[in-house]
Amino acid sequence: MPKGKSTILSTIRFEKETKTLRVDVQPEENIFYSIRFIGTKKNFDTCTRTFEDPVIGTFKPKRVGIAYSGDIGVIFHTVTGISASYRMADDDLYVRAVITSTNQVLDRPFLSSLV
């Protein structure tokens, strides 16, 4: 894999009839995978609060940020492996899959331009 790239090849399918999200990862040798299903329930807490987001270096100005409830984007299910599925409950608003691997990208040249 080229330096600075971190791409996990996978097949993702949503089966409408069963409301099931299926993920299959094309594994690389000596790499381990974790598949997380993340979503929000329909009755989530809609409260927000604002906060001061300070200046960082010369590339990020001060601004007012918005913090959302911890009910948004919670982990519904986690699988260690190359294949996983999650069947949506009736009160799930949405679900998405996040795939992570033990493959670490050490060379990130784009970050040096941000500091």
PDB file of N, CA and C in Angstrom:
ATOM      1  N   MET A   1       0.845  -1.180   0.000  1.00  0.00           N
ATOM      2  CA  MET A   1       0.000   0.000   0.000  1.00  0.00           C
ATOM      3  C   MET A   1       0.890   1.242   0.000  1.00  0.00           C
ATOM      4  N   PRO A   2       0.586   2.256  -0.828  1.00  0.00           N
ATOM      5  CA  PRO A   2       1.412   3.463  -0.897  1.00  0.00           C
ATOM      6  C   PRO A   2       1.423   4.212   0.436  1.00  0.00           C
ATOM      7  N   LYS A   3       2.524   4.934   0.697  1.00  0.00           N
ATOM      8  CA  LYS A   3       2.626   5.725   1.921  1.00  0.00           C
ATOM      9  C   LYS A   3       1.493   6.744   1.988  1.00  0.00           C
ATOM     10  N   GLY A   4       0.953   6.929   3.191  1.00  0.00           N
ATOM     11  CA  GLY A   4      -0.094   7.924   3.393  1.00  0.00           C
ATOM     12  C   GLY A   4      -1.478   7.456   3.019  1.00  0.00           C
ATOM     13  N   LYS A   5      -1.609   6.230   2.540  1.00  0.00           N
ATOM     14  CA  LYS A   5      -2.915   5.708   2.151  1.00  0.00           C
ATOM     15  C   LYS A   5      -3.364   4.667   3.160  1.00  0.00           C
ATOM     16  N   SER A   6      -4.625   4.646   3.475  1.00  0.00           N
ATOM     17  CA  SER A   6      -5.185   3.649   4.375  1.00  0.00           C
ATOM     18  C   SER A   6      -6.567   3.286   3.855  1.00  0.00           C
ATOM     19  N   THR A   7      -6.610   2.389   2.899  1.00  0.00           N
ATOM     20  CA  THR A   7      -7.867   1.996   2.292  1.00  0.00           C
ATOM     21  C   THR A   7      -8.151   0.546   2.632  1.00  0.00           C
ATOM     22  N   ILE A   8      -9.343   0.274   3.126  1.00  0.00           N
ATOM     23  CA  ILE A   8      -9.774  -1.082   3.413  1.00  0.00           C
ATOM     24  C   ILE A   8     -10.816  -1.438   2.363  1.00  0.00           C
ATOM     25  N   LEU A   9     -10.505  -2.438   1.551  1.00  0.00           N
ATOM     26  CA  LEU A   9     -11.447  -2.864   0.528  1.00  0.00           C
ATOM     27  C   LEU A   9     -12.517  -3.725   1.173  1.00  0.00           C
ATOM     28  N   SER A  10     -13.775  -3.410   0.890  1.00  0.00           N
ATOM     29  CA  SER A  10     -14.859  -4.162   1.508  1.00  0.00           C
ATOM     30  C   SER A  10     -16.095  -4.142   0.627  1.00  0.00           C
ATOM     31  N   THR A  11     -16.994  -5.068   0.934  1.00  0.00           N
ATOM     32  CA  THR A  11     -18.303  -5.106   0.301  1.00  0.00           C
ATOM     33  C   THR A  11     -19.322  -4.791   1.379  1.00  0.00           C
ATOM     34  N   ILE A  12     -20.164  -3.813   1.118  1.00  0.00           N
ATOM     35  CA  ILE A  12     -21.185  -3.417   2.083  1.00  0.00           C
ATOM     36  C   ILE A  12     -22.542  -3.536   1.401  1.00  0.00           C
ATOM     37  N   ARG A  13     -23.460  -4.251   2.049  1.00  0.00           N
ATOM     38  CA  ARG A  13     -24.797  -4.461   1.480  1.00  0.00           C
ATOM     39  C   ARG A  13     -25.850  -4.152   2.544  1.00  0.00           C
ATOM     40  N   PHE A  14     -26.923  -3.508   2.115  1.00  0.00           N
ATOM     41  CA  PHE A  14     -28.074  -3.327   3.000  1.00  0.00           C
ATOM     42  C   PHE A  14     -29.222  -4.125   2.420  1.00  0.00           C
ATOM     43  N   GLU A  15     -29.717  -5.085   3.202  1.00  0.00           N
ATOM     44  CA  GLU A  15     -30.836  -5.915   2.780  1.00  0.00           C
ATOM     45  C   GLU A  15     -32.117  -5.292   3.312  1.00  0.00           C
ATOM     46  N   LYS A  16     -32.851  -4.657   2.422  1.00  0.00           N
ATOM     47  CA  LYS A  16     -34.038  -3.894   2.794  1.00  0.00           C
ATOM     48  C   LYS A  16     -35.101  -4.759   3.480  1.00  0.00           C
ATOM     49  N   GLU A  17     -35.294  -5.980   2.970  1.00  0.00           N
ATOM     50  CA  GLU A  17     -36.338  -6.857   3.507  1.00  0.00           C
ATOM     51  C   GLU A  17     -36.117  -7.196   4.980  1.00  0.00           C
ATOM     52  N   THR A  18     -34.859  -7.435   5.352  1.00  0.00           N
ATOM     53  CA  THR A  18     -34.545  -7.815   6.738  1.00  0.00           C
ATOM     54  C   THR A  18     -33.946  -6.664   7.544  1.00  0.00           C
ATOM     55  N   LYS A  19     -33.762  -5.515   6.901  1.00  0.00           N
ATOM     56  CA  LYS A  19     -33.159  -4.338   7.542  1.00  0.00           C
ATOM     57  C   LYS A  19     -31.787  -4.682   8.126  1.00  0.00           C
ATOM     58  N   THR A  20     -30.985  -5.410   7.339  1.00  0.00           N
ATOM     59  CA  THR A  20     -29.683  -5.872   7.803  1.00  0.00           C
ATOM     60  C   THR A  20     -28.565  -5.256   6.980  1.00  0.00           C
ATOM     61  N   LEU A  21     -27.573  -4.691   7.674  1.00  0.00           N
ATOM     62  CA  LEU A  21     -26.378  -4.158   7.038  1.00  0.00           C
ATOM     63  C   LEU A  21     -25.287  -5.216   7.169  1.00  0.00           C
ATOM     64  N   ARG A  22     -24.722  -5.648   6.022  1.00  0.00           N
ATOM     65  CA  ARG A  22     -23.690  -6.684   6.005  1.00  0.00           C
ATOM     66  C   ARG A  22     -22.386  -6.098   5.467  1.00  0.00           C
ATOM     67  N   VAL A  23     -21.282  -6.467   6.101  1.00  0.00           N
ATOM     68  CA  VAL A  23     -19.961  -5.971   5.718  1.00  0.00           C
ATOM     69  C   VAL A  23     -19.013  -7.160   5.588  1.00  0.00           C
ATOM     70  N   ASP A  24     -18.319  -7.219   4.463  1.00  0.00           N
ATOM     71  CA  ASP A  24     -17.280  -8.222   4.241  1.00  0.00           C
ATOM     72  C   ASP A  24     -16.014  -7.495   3.819  1.00  0.00           C
ATOM     73  N   VAL A  25     -14.922  -7.736   4.551  1.00  0.00           N
ATOM     74  CA  VAL A  25     -13.646  -7.079   4.292  1.00  0.00           C
ATOM     75  C   VAL A  25     -12.754  -8.016   3.487  1.00  0.00           C
ATOM     76  N   GLN A  26     -12.076  -7.463   2.493  1.00  0.00           N
ATOM     77  CA  GLN A  26     -11.060  -8.223   1.763  1.00  0.00           C
ATOM     78  C   GLN A  26      -9.776  -8.109   2.576  1.00  0.00           C
ATOM     79  N   PRO A  27      -9.405  -9.171   3.296  1.00  0.00           N
ATOM     80  CA  PRO A  27      -8.290  -9.051   4.240  1.00  0.00           C
ATOM     81  C   PRO A  27      -6.921  -8.989   3.577  1.00  0.00           C
ATOM     82  N   GLU A  28      -6.018  -8.316   4.278  1.00  0.00           N
ATOM     83  CA  GLU A  28      -4.604  -8.308   3.907  1.00  0.00           C
ATOM     84  C   GLU A  28      -3.882  -9.210   4.886  1.00  0.00           C
ATOM     85  N   GLU A  29      -2.766  -9.760   4.479  1.00  0.00           N
ATOM     86  CA  GLU A  29      -2.002 -10.676   5.305  1.00  0.00           C
ATOM     87  C   GLU A  29      -1.502 -10.001   6.579  1.00  0.00           C
ATOM     88  N   ASN A  30      -1.640 -10.682   7.702  1.00  0.00           N
ATOM     89  CA  ASN A  30      -1.172 -10.229   9.025  1.00  0.00           C
ATOM     90  C   ASN A  30      -1.836  -8.947   9.514  1.00  0.00           C
ATOM     91  N   ILE A  31      -3.012  -8.648   9.000  1.00  0.00           N
ATOM     92  CA  ILE A  31      -3.768  -7.473   9.443  1.00  0.00           C
ATOM     93  C   ILE A  31      -5.059  -7.968  10.094  1.00  0.00           C
ATOM     94  N   PHE A  32      -5.430  -7.355  11.219  1.00  0.00           N
ATOM     95  CA  PHE A  32      -6.651  -7.729  11.922  1.00  0.00           C
ATOM     96  C   PHE A  32      -7.644  -6.583  11.820  1.00  0.00           C
ATOM     97  N   TYR A  33      -8.945  -6.923  11.767  1.00  0.00           N
ATOM     98  CA  TYR A  33      -9.990  -5.935  11.505  1.00  0.00           C
ATOM     99  C   TYR A  33     -11.043  -5.925  12.604  1.00  0.00           C
ATOM    100  N   SER A  34     -11.623  -4.750  12.790  1.00  0.00           N
ATOM    101  CA  SER A  34     -12.749  -4.567  13.694  1.00  0.00           C
ATOM    102  C   SER A  34     -13.824  -3.813  12.922  1.00  0.00           C
ATOM    103  N   ILE A  35     -15.048  -4.290  13.017  1.00  0.00           N
ATOM    104  CA  ILE A  35     -16.176  -3.655  12.330  1.00  0.00           C
ATOM    105  C   ILE A  35     -17.153  -3.185  13.397  1.00  0.00           C
ATOM    106  N   ARG A  36     -17.388  -1.865  13.426  1.00  0.00           N
ATOM    107  CA  ARG A  36     -18.325  -1.278  14.384  1.00  0.00           C
ATOM    108  C   ARG A  36     -19.556  -0.794  13.646  1.00  0.00           C
ATOM    109  N   PHE A  37     -20.722  -1.073  14.219  1.00  0.00           N
ATOM    110  CA  PHE A  37     -21.981  -0.555  13.691  1.00  0.00           C
ATOM    111  C   PHE A  37     -22.410   0.573  14.619  1.00  0.00           C
ATOM    112  N   ILE A  38     -22.525   1.766  14.045  1.00  0.00           N
ATOM    113  CA  ILE A  38     -22.785   2.980  14.816  1.00  0.00           C
ATOM    114  C   ILE A  38     -24.082   3.601  14.320  1.00  0.00           C
ATOM    115  N   GLY A  39     -24.884   4.103  15.256  1.00  0.00           N
ATOM    116  CA  GLY A  39     -26.149   4.714  14.849  1.00  0.00           C
ATOM    117  C   GLY A  39     -26.761   5.527  15.964  1.00  0.00           C
ATOM    118  N   THR A  40     -28.003   5.912  15.735  1.00  0.00           N
ATOM    119  CA  THR A  40     -28.766   6.721  16.681  1.00  0.00           C
ATOM    120  C   THR A  40     -30.180   6.156  16.765  1.00  0.00           C
ATOM    121  N   LYS A  41     -30.708   6.101  17.973  1.00  0.00           N
ATOM    122  CA  LYS A  41     -32.084   5.635  18.181  1.00  0.00           C
ATOM    123  C   LYS A  41     -33.059   6.769  17.875  1.00  0.00           C
ATOM    124  N   LYS A  42     -34.283   6.413  17.510  1.00  0.00           N
ATOM    125  CA  LYS A  42     -35.293   7.410  17.131  1.00  0.00           C
ATOM    126  C   LYS A  42     -35.639   8.376  18.264  1.00  0.00           C
ATOM    127  N   ASN A  43     -35.574   7.926  19.511  1.00  0.00           N
ATOM    128  CA  ASN A  43     -35.952   8.785  20.647  1.00  0.00           C
ATOM    129  C   ASN A  43     -34.744   9.456  21.294  1.00  0.00           C
ATOM    130  N   PHE A  44     -33.715   9.805  20.487  1.00  0.00           N
ATOM    131  CA  PHE A  44     -32.486  10.387  21.029  1.00  0.00           C
ATOM    132  C   PHE A  44     -32.715  11.762  21.645  1.00  0.00           C
ATOM    133  N   ASP A  45     -31.829  12.125  22.568  1.00  0.00           N
ATOM    134  CA  ASP A  45     -31.868  13.427  23.228  1.00  0.00           C
ATOM    135  C   ASP A  45     -31.447  14.496  22.214  1.00  0.00           C
ATOM    136  N   THR A  46     -32.309  15.437  21.919  1.00  0.00           N
ATOM    137  CA  THR A  46     -32.039  16.466  20.902  1.00  0.00           C
ATOM    138  C   THR A  46     -31.381  17.727  21.471  1.00  0.00           C
ATOM    139  N   CYS A  47     -31.069  17.740  22.759  1.00  0.00           N
ATOM    140  CA  CYS A  47     -30.454  18.923  23.378  1.00  0.00           C
ATOM    141  C   CYS A  47     -29.040  19.157  22.838  1.00  0.00           C
ATOM    142  N   THR A  48     -28.702  20.431  22.698  1.00  0.00           N
ATOM    143  CA  THR A  48     -27.354  20.826  22.290  1.00  0.00           C
ATOM    144  C   THR A  48     -26.851  21.897  23.249  1.00  0.00           C
ATOM    145  N   ARG A  49     -25.537  22.113  23.220  1.00  0.00           N
ATOM    146  CA  ARG A  49     -24.955  23.219  23.984  1.00  0.00           C
ATOM    147  C   ARG A  49     -23.832  23.820  23.149  1.00  0.00           C
ATOM    148  N   THR A  50     -23.565  25.085  23.356  1.00  0.00           N
ATOM    149  CA  THR A  50     -22.477  25.734  22.625  1.00  0.00           C
ATOM    150  C   THR A  50     -21.249  25.805  23.525  1.00  0.00           C
ATOM    151  N   PHE A  51     -20.080  25.922  22.887  1.00  0.00           N
ATOM    152  CA  PHE A  51     -18.824  26.027  23.628  1.00  0.00           C
ATOM    153  C   PHE A  51     -17.844  26.837  22.793  1.00  0.00           C
ATOM    154  N   GLU A  52     -16.856  27.413  23.475  1.00  0.00           N
ATOM    155  CA  GLU A  52     -15.802  28.173  22.800  1.00  0.00           C
ATOM    156  C   GLU A  52     -14.756  27.193  22.280  1.00  0.00           C
ATOM    157  N   ASP A  53     -14.497  27.229  20.995  1.00  0.00           N
ATOM    158  CA  ASP A  53     -13.476  26.403  20.360  1.00  0.00           C
ATOM    159  C   ASP A  53     -12.286  27.321  20.099  1.00  0.00           C
ATOM    160  N   PRO A  54     -11.176  27.152  20.845  1.00  0.00           N
ATOM    161  CA  PRO A  54     -10.069  28.119  20.775  1.00  0.00           C
ATOM    162  C   PRO A  54      -9.245  28.026  19.487  1.00  0.00           C
ATOM    163  N   VAL A  55      -8.427  29.048  19.295  1.00  0.00           N
ATOM    164  CA  VAL A  55      -7.495  29.103  18.172  1.00  0.00           C
ATOM    165  C   VAL A  55      -6.465  27.988  18.337  1.00  0.00           C
ATOM    166  N   ILE A  56      -6.096  27.343  17.228  1.00  0.00           N
ATOM    167  CA  ILE A  56      -4.997  26.375  17.240  1.00  0.00           C
ATOM    168  C   ILE A  56      -4.042  26.778  16.128  1.00  0.00           C
ATOM    169  N   GLY A  57      -2.855  27.193  16.522  1.00  0.00           N
ATOM    170  CA  GLY A  57      -1.849  27.593  15.534  1.00  0.00           C
ATOM    171  C   GLY A  57      -2.357  28.707  14.635  1.00  0.00           C
ATOM    172  N   THR A  58      -1.953  28.652  13.394  1.00  0.00           N
ATOM    173  CA  THR A  58      -2.353  29.696  12.446  1.00  0.00           C
ATOM    174  C   THR A  58      -3.410  29.212  11.464  1.00  0.00           C
ATOM    175  N   PHE A  59      -3.797  27.947  11.582  1.00  0.00           N
ATOM    176  CA  PHE A  59      -4.716  27.412  10.574  1.00  0.00           C
ATOM    177  C   PHE A  59      -6.148  27.256  11.066  1.00  0.00           C
ATOM    178  N   LYS A  60      -6.422  27.394  12.378  1.00  0.00           N
ATOM    179  CA  LYS A  60      -7.790  27.245  12.870  1.00  0.00           C
ATOM    180  C   LYS A  60      -8.161  28.439  13.738  1.00  0.00           C
ATOM    181  N   PRO A  61      -9.075  29.270  13.259  1.00  0.00           N
ATOM    182  CA  PRO A  61      -9.481  30.435  14.048  1.00  0.00           C
ATOM    183  C   PRO A  61     -10.423  30.054  15.201  1.00  0.00           C
ATOM    184  N   LYS A  62     -10.574  30.967  16.138  1.00  0.00           N
ATOM    185  CA  LYS A  62     -11.510  30.778  17.245  1.00  0.00           C
ATOM    186  C   LYS A  62     -12.927  30.759  16.682  1.00  0.00           C
ATOM    187  N   ARG A  63     -13.775  29.918  17.266  1.00  0.00           N
ATOM    188  CA  ARG A  63     -15.173  29.862  16.838  1.00  0.00           C
ATOM    189  C   ARG A  63     -16.029  29.332  17.967  1.00  0.00           C
ATOM    190  N   VAL A  64     -17.327  29.436  17.813  1.00  0.00           N
ATOM    191  CA  VAL A  64     -18.268  28.835  18.751  1.00  0.00           C
ATOM    192  C   VAL A  64     -18.692  27.498  18.164  1.00  0.00           C
ATOM    193  N   GLY A  65     -18.519  26.430  18.941  1.00  0.00           N
ATOM    194  CA  GLY A  65     -18.888  25.100  18.486  1.00  0.00           C
ATOM    195  C   GLY A  65     -20.205  24.660  19.094  1.00  0.00           C
ATOM    196  N   ILE A  66     -20.753  23.580  18.571  1.00  0.00           N
ATOM    197  CA  ILE A  66     -21.993  23.007  19.086  1.00  0.00           C
ATOM    198  C   ILE A  66     -21.714  21.568  19.505  1.00  0.00           C
ATOM    199  N   ALA A  67     -22.072  21.230  20.738  1.00  0.00           N
ATOM    200  CA  ALA A  67     -21.932  19.857  21.235  1.00  0.00           C
ATOM    201  C   ALA A  67     -23.317  19.220  21.251  1.00  0.00           C
ATOM    202  N   TYR A  68     -23.381  18.016  20.723  1.00  0.00           N
ATOM    203  CA  TYR A  68     -24.641  17.286  20.648  1.00  0.00           C
ATOM    204  C   TYR A  68     -24.710  16.234  21.747  1.00  0.00           C
ATOM    205  N   SER A  69     -25.870  15.690  21.947  1.00  0.00           N
ATOM    206  CA  SER A  69     -26.107  14.665  22.952  1.00  0.00           C
ATOM    207  C   SER A  69     -25.241  13.430  22.715  1.00  0.00           C
ATOM    208  N   GLY A  70     -24.886  12.744  23.774  1.00  0.00           N
ATOM    209  CA  GLY A  70     -24.164  11.491  23.682  1.00  0.00           C
ATOM    210  C   GLY A  70     -24.999  10.363  23.106  1.00  0.00           C
ATOM    211  N   ASP A  71     -26.287  10.613  22.898  1.00  0.00           N
ATOM    212  CA  ASP A  71     -27.180   9.615  22.285  1.00  0.00           C
ATOM    213  C   ASP A  71     -26.958   9.494  20.780  1.00  0.00           C
ATOM    214  N   ILE A  72     -26.233  10.439  20.199  1.00  0.00           N
ATOM    215  CA  ILE A  72     -26.026  10.461  18.749  1.00  0.00           C
ATOM    216  C   ILE A  72     -24.736   9.719  18.419  1.00  0.00           C
ATOM    217  N   GLY A  73     -24.824   8.803  17.485  1.00  0.00           N
ATOM    218  CA  GLY A  73     -23.640   8.079  17.027  1.00  0.00           C
ATOM    219  C   GLY A  73     -23.065   7.128  18.051  1.00  0.00           C
ATOM    220  N   VAL A  74     -23.899   6.304  18.655  1.00  0.00           N
ATOM    221  CA  VAL A  74     -23.428   5.329  19.639  1.00  0.00           C
ATOM    222  C   VAL A  74     -23.097   4.002  18.953  1.00  0.00           C
ATOM    223  N   ILE A  75     -22.226   3.235  19.570  1.00  0.00           N
ATOM    224  CA  ILE A  75     -21.852   1.935  19.016  1.00  0.00           C
ATOM    225  C   ILE A  75     -22.930   0.923  19.387  1.00  0.00           C
ATOM    226  N   PHE A  76     -23.577   0.352  18.359  1.00  0.00           N
ATOM    227  CA  PHE A  76     -24.607  -0.663  18.569  1.00  0.00           C
ATOM    228  C   PHE A  76     -24.006  -2.063  18.693  1.00  0.00           C
ATOM    229  N   HIS A  77     -22.968  -2.329  17.913  1.00  0.00           N
ATOM    230  CA  HIS A  77     -22.421  -3.692  17.856  1.00  0.00           C
ATOM    231  C   HIS A  77     -20.997  -3.626  17.301  1.00  0.00           C
ATOM    232  N   THR A  78     -20.103  -4.473  17.823  1.00  0.00           N
ATOM    233  CA  THR A  78     -18.722  -4.540  17.352  1.00  0.00           C
ATOM    234  C   THR A  78     -18.353  -6.001  17.096  1.00  0.00           C
ATOM    235  N   VAL A  79     -17.673  -6.241  15.976  1.00  0.00           N
ATOM    236  CA  VAL A  79     -17.209  -7.580  15.620  1.00  0.00           C
ATOM    237  C   VAL A  79     -15.727  -7.484  15.279  1.00  0.00           C
ATOM    238  N   THR A  80     -14.929  -8.407  15.816  1.00  0.00           N
ATOM    239  CA  THR A  80     -13.537  -8.522  15.418  1.00  0.00           C
ATOM    240  C   THR A  80     -13.481  -9.621  14.366  1.00  0.00           C
ATOM    241  N   GLY A  81     -13.067  -9.268  13.146  1.00  0.00           N
ATOM    242  CA  GLY A  81     -13.038 -10.235  12.058  1.00  0.00           C
ATOM    243  C   GLY A  81     -13.259  -9.547  10.728  1.00  0.00           C
ATOM    244  N   ILE A  82     -13.490 -10.351   9.690  1.00  0.00           N
ATOM    245  CA  ILE A  82     -13.610  -9.792   8.342  1.00  0.00           C
ATOM    246  C   ILE A  82     -15.041  -9.806   7.811  1.00  0.00           C
ATOM    247  N   SER A  83     -15.983 -10.282   8.614  1.00  0.00           N
ATOM    248  CA  SER A  83     -17.371 -10.342   8.173  1.00  0.00           C
ATOM    249  C   SER A  83     -18.278 -10.040   9.358  1.00  0.00           C
ATOM    250  N   ALA A  84     -19.269  -9.182   9.146  1.00  0.00           N
ATOM    251  CA  ALA A  84     -20.181  -8.824  10.233  1.00  0.00           C
ATOM    252  C   ALA A  84     -21.510  -8.367   9.661  1.00  0.00           C
ATOM    253  N   SER A  85     -22.534  -8.429  10.497  1.00  0.00           N
ATOM    254  CA  SER A  85     -23.838  -7.918  10.093  1.00  0.00           C
ATOM    255  C   SER A  85     -24.552  -7.343  11.309  1.00  0.00           C
ATOM    256  N   TYR A  86     -25.455  -6.418  11.032  1.00  0.00           N
ATOM    257  CA  TYR A  86     -26.272  -5.813  12.078  1.00  0.00           C
ATOM    258  C   TYR A  86     -27.683  -5.679  11.547  1.00  0.00           C
ATOM    259  N   ARG A  87     -28.645  -6.248  12.279  1.00  0.00           N
ATOM    260  CA  ARG A  87     -30.056  -6.123  11.910  1.00  0.00           C
ATOM    261  C   ARG A  87     -30.631  -4.950  12.686  1.00  0.00           C
ATOM    262  N   MET A  88     -31.147  -3.974  11.959  1.00  0.00           N
ATOM    263  CA  MET A  88     -31.666  -2.770  12.593  1.00  0.00           C
ATOM    264  C   MET A  88     -32.894  -3.075  13.445  1.00  0.00           C
ATOM    265  N   ALA A  89     -32.918  -2.487  14.631  1.00  0.00           N
ATOM    266  CA  ALA A  89     -34.089  -2.575  15.498  1.00  0.00           C
ATOM    267  C   ALA A  89     -35.128  -1.564  15.012  1.00  0.00           C
ATOM    268  N   ASP A  90     -36.355  -1.746  15.435  1.00  0.00           N
ATOM    269  CA  ASP A  90     -37.428  -0.841  15.007  1.00  0.00           C
ATOM    270  C   ASP A  90     -37.194   0.598  15.432  1.00  0.00           C
ATOM    271  N   ASP A  91     -36.453   0.796  16.532  1.00  0.00           N
ATOM    272  CA  ASP A  91     -36.215   2.164  17.010  1.00  0.00           C
ATOM    273  C   ASP A  91     -34.872   2.738  16.559  1.00  0.00           C
ATOM    274  N   ASP A  92     -34.177   2.068  15.634  1.00  0.00           N
ATOM    275  CA  ASP A  92     -32.944   2.622  15.063  1.00  0.00           C
ATOM    276  C   ASP A  92     -33.297   3.648  13.995  1.00  0.00           C
ATOM    277  N   LEU A  93     -32.750   4.844  14.129  1.00  0.00           N
ATOM    278  CA  LEU A  93     -32.956   5.888  13.134  1.00  0.00           C
ATOM    279  C   LEU A  93     -32.095   5.625  11.906  1.00  0.00           C
ATOM    280  N   TYR A  94     -30.841   5.228  12.140  1.00  0.00           N
ATOM    281  CA  TYR A  94     -29.914   4.867  11.065  1.00  0.00           C
ATOM    282  C   TYR A  94     -28.817   3.993  11.657  1.00  0.00           C
ATOM    283  N   VAL A  95     -28.048   3.353  10.774  1.00  0.00           N
ATOM    284  CA  VAL A  95     -26.863   2.607  11.184  1.00  0.00           C
ATOM    285  C   VAL A  95     -25.815   2.757  10.098  1.00  0.00           C
ATOM    286  N   ARG A  96     -24.550   2.811  10.495  1.00  0.00           N
ATOM    287  CA  ARG A  96     -23.445   2.858   9.534  1.00  0.00           C
ATOM    288  C   ARG A  96     -22.344   1.941  10.046  1.00  0.00           C
ATOM    289  N   ALA A  97     -21.471   1.531   9.169  1.00  0.00           N
ATOM    290  CA  ALA A  97     -20.378   0.650   9.546  1.00  0.00           C
ATOM    291  C   ALA A  97     -19.061   1.400   9.474  1.00  0.00           C
ATOM    292  N   VAL A  98     -18.210   1.175  10.474  1.00  0.00           N
ATOM    293  CA  VAL A  98     -16.869   1.741  10.497  1.00  0.00           C
ATOM    294  C   VAL A  98     -15.901   0.573  10.628  1.00  0.00           C
ATOM    295  N   ILE A  99     -14.974   0.467   9.685  1.00  0.00           N
ATOM    296  CA  ILE A  99     -14.001  -0.614   9.680  1.00  0.00           C
ATOM    297  C   ILE A  99     -12.641  -0.040  10.064  1.00  0.00           C
ATOM    298  N   THR A 100     -12.006  -0.648  11.054  1.00  0.00           N
ATOM    299  CA  THR A 100     -10.650  -0.251  11.430  1.00  0.00           C
ATOM    300  C   THR A 100      -9.754  -1.475  11.335  1.00  0.00           C
ATOM    301  N   SER A 101      -8.455  -1.228  11.206  1.00  0.00           N
ATOM    302  CA  SER A 101      -7.510  -2.333  11.098  1.00  0.00           C
ATOM    303  C   SER A 101      -6.287  -2.047  11.940  1.00  0.00           C
ATOM    304  N   THR A 102      -5.459  -3.070  12.097  1.00  0.00           N
ATOM    305  CA  THR A 102      -4.201  -2.917  12.843  1.00  0.00           C
ATOM    306  C   THR A 102      -3.112  -2.326  11.953  1.00  0.00           C
ATOM    307  N   ASN A 103      -3.408  -2.078  10.692  1.00  0.00           N
ATOM    308  CA  ASN A 103      -2.452  -1.479   9.767  1.00  0.00           C
ATOM    309  C   ASN A 103      -2.332   0.005  10.100  1.00  0.00           C
ATOM    310  N   GLN A 104      -1.175   0.425  10.607  1.00  0.00           N
ATOM    311  CA  GLN A 104      -0.980   1.818  10.991  1.00  0.00           C
ATOM    312  C   GLN A 104      -0.302   2.583   9.872  1.00  0.00           C
ATOM    313  N   VAL A 105      -0.831   3.749   9.576  1.00  0.00           N
ATOM    314  CA  VAL A 105      -0.224   4.633   8.587  1.00  0.00           C
ATOM    315  C   VAL A 105       0.656   5.611   9.347  1.00  0.00           C
ATOM    316  N   LEU A 106       1.967   5.491   9.168  1.00  0.00           N
ATOM    317  CA  LEU A 106       2.901   6.321   9.931  1.00  0.00           C
ATOM    318  C   LEU A 106       3.318   7.586   9.203  1.00  0.00           C
ATOM    319  N   ASP A 107       3.298   7.573   7.878  1.00  0.00           N
ATOM    320  CA  ASP A 107       3.738   8.714   7.100  1.00  0.00           C
ATOM    321  C   ASP A 107       2.513   9.490   6.629  1.00  0.00           C
ATOM    322  N   ARG A 108       2.277  10.647   7.228  1.00  0.00           N
ATOM    323  CA  ARG A 108       1.123  11.480   6.872  1.00  0.00           C
ATOM    324  C   ARG A 108       1.615  12.874   6.496  1.00  0.00           C
ATOM    325  N   PRO A 109       2.160  13.023   5.292  1.00  0.00           N
ATOM    326  CA  PRO A 109       2.777  14.299   4.920  1.00  0.00           C
ATOM    327  C   PRO A 109       1.807  15.478   4.917  1.00  0.00           C
ATOM    328  N   PHE A 110       0.506  15.236   4.722  1.00  0.00           N
ATOM    329  CA  PHE A 110      -0.447  16.345   4.679  1.00  0.00           C
ATOM    330  C   PHE A 110      -0.575  17.024   6.032  1.00  0.00           C
ATOM    331  N   LEU A 111      -0.272  16.330   7.140  1.00  0.00           N
ATOM    332  CA  LEU A 111      -0.375  16.941   8.458  1.00  0.00           C
ATOM    333  C   LEU A 111       0.683  18.011   8.690  1.00  0.00           C
ATOM    334  N   SER A 112       1.856  17.872   8.093  1.00  0.00           N
ATOM    335  CA  SER A 112       2.920  18.846   8.319  1.00  0.00           C
ATOM    336  C   SER A 112       2.529  20.228   7.805  1.00  0.00           C
ATOM    337  N   SER A 113       1.664  20.301   6.813  1.00  0.00           N
ATOM    338  CA  SER A 113       1.252  21.598   6.295  1.00  0.00           C
ATOM    339  C   SER A 113       0.225  22.273   7.189  1.00  0.00           C
ATOM    340  N   LEU A 114      -0.348  21.549   8.166  1.00  0.00           N
ATOM    341  CA  LEU A 114      -1.363  22.123   9.040  1.00  0.00           C
ATOM    342  C   LEU A 114      -0.792  22.695  10.322  1.00  0.00           C
ATOM    343  N   VAL A 115       0.457  22.388  10.650  1.00  0.00           N
ATOM    344  CA  VAL A 115       1.041  22.818  11.930  1.00  0.00           C
ATOM    345  C   VAL A 115       1.730  24.146  11.796  1.00  0.00           C
TER     346      VAL A 115
END
